[in-house]
Amino acid sequence: MKNEKEVLLAEIEKLIAYGREEPTINPNLLAYLEVEDLIHTKAKLLERVGKLSEEDKEWLEQFKKYD
């Protein structure tokens, strides 16, 4: 089973890449952060989401179940 850090890294990578063809940041760099930093980063990414379509809201729900 994946540890908490691996799960958070995968979720952040999905959040960063959503709706884009190319990556915006190298997710490998995030591996150097502590779990608390990753939780904060994930929360900030979720906060920055503006107006969402229903499809986007459904997509984001997968990340909320871990909070």
Protein backbone atom coordinates (compact mmCIF):
# COMPACT_ATOMS: atom_id res chain seq x y z
CA MET A 1 0.00 0.00 0.00
CA LYS A 2 1.19 3.51 -0.79
CA ASN A 3 2.21 5.73 2.06
CA GLU A 4 0.56 9.11 2.69
CA LYS A 5 3.32 11.06 0.94
CA GLU A 6 3.04 8.97 -2.24
CA VAL A 7 -0.74 9.41 -2.30
CA LEU A 8 -0.43 13.19 -1.83
CA LEU A 9 2.22 13.42 -4.55
CA ALA A 10 -0.01 11.56 -7.00
CA GLU A 11 -3.00 13.79 -6.17
CA ILE A 12 -1.00 17.01 -6.48
CA GLU A 13 0.39 15.84 -9.81
CA LYS A 14 -3.18 15.26 -11.06
CA LEU A 15 -4.33 18.65 -9.78
CA ILE A 16 -1.43 20.45 -11.44
CA ALA A 17 -1.89 18.63 -14.74
CA TYR A 18 -5.69 18.91 -14.94
CA GLY A 19 -6.82 20.48 -18.19
CA ARG A 20 -3.30 20.85 -19.55
CA GLU A 21 -1.49 18.98 -22.26
CA GLU A 22 1.98 19.51 -20.81
CA PRO A 23 3.14 19.37 -17.18
CA THR A 24 3.47 22.71 -15.42
CA ILE A 25 5.96 21.56 -12.78
CA ASN A 26 8.12 18.53 -12.36
CA PRO A 27 6.23 16.50 -9.73
CA ASN A 28 9.50 14.79 -8.75
CA LEU A 29 10.57 18.06 -7.14
CA LEU A 30 7.61 17.84 -4.76
CA ALA A 31 9.01 14.61 -3.32
CA TYR A 32 11.49 16.68 -1.33
CA LEU A 33 8.70 18.37 0.66
CA GLU A 34 7.40 17.14 4.00
CA VAL A 35 3.92 15.62 4.27
CA GLU A 36 2.58 18.77 5.98
CA ASP A 37 3.87 20.88 3.08
CA LEU A 38 2.20 18.55 0.58
CA ILE A 39 -1.12 18.72 2.45
CA HIS A 40 -0.89 22.53 2.38
CA THR A 41 0.01 22.54 -1.33
CA LYS A 42 -2.93 20.28 -2.15
CA ALA A 43 -5.30 22.49 -0.13
CA LYS A 44 -4.06 25.62 -1.92
CA LEU A 45 -4.55 24.01 -5.33
CA LEU A 46 -8.11 23.07 -4.39
CA GLU A 47 -8.80 26.62 -3.12
CA ARG A 48 -7.65 28.22 -6.36
CA VAL A 49 -10.22 26.48 -8.46
CA GLY A 50 -12.55 29.12 -9.85
CA LYS A 51 -15.91 28.54 -11.45
CA LEU A 52 -16.36 24.87 -12.15
CA SER A 53 -18.47 22.87 -14.50
CA GLU A 54 -20.32 19.88 -13.07
CA GLU A 55 -17.72 17.61 -14.67
CA ASP A 56 -14.93 19.50 -12.92
CA LYS A 57 -16.74 19.32 -9.58
CA GLU A 58 -17.12 15.56 -9.94
CA TRP A 59 -13.43 15.24 -10.82
CA LEU A 60 -12.40 17.24 -7.73
CA GLU A 61 -14.55 15.13 -5.39
CA GLN A 62 -12.00 12.31 -5.63
CA PHE A 63 -9.51 14.48 -3.73
CA LYS A 64 -11.85 15.62 -0.98
CA LYS A 65 -12.49 12.13 0.37
CA TYR A 66 -8.95 12.06 1.84
CA ASP A 67 -9.16 15.37 3.66
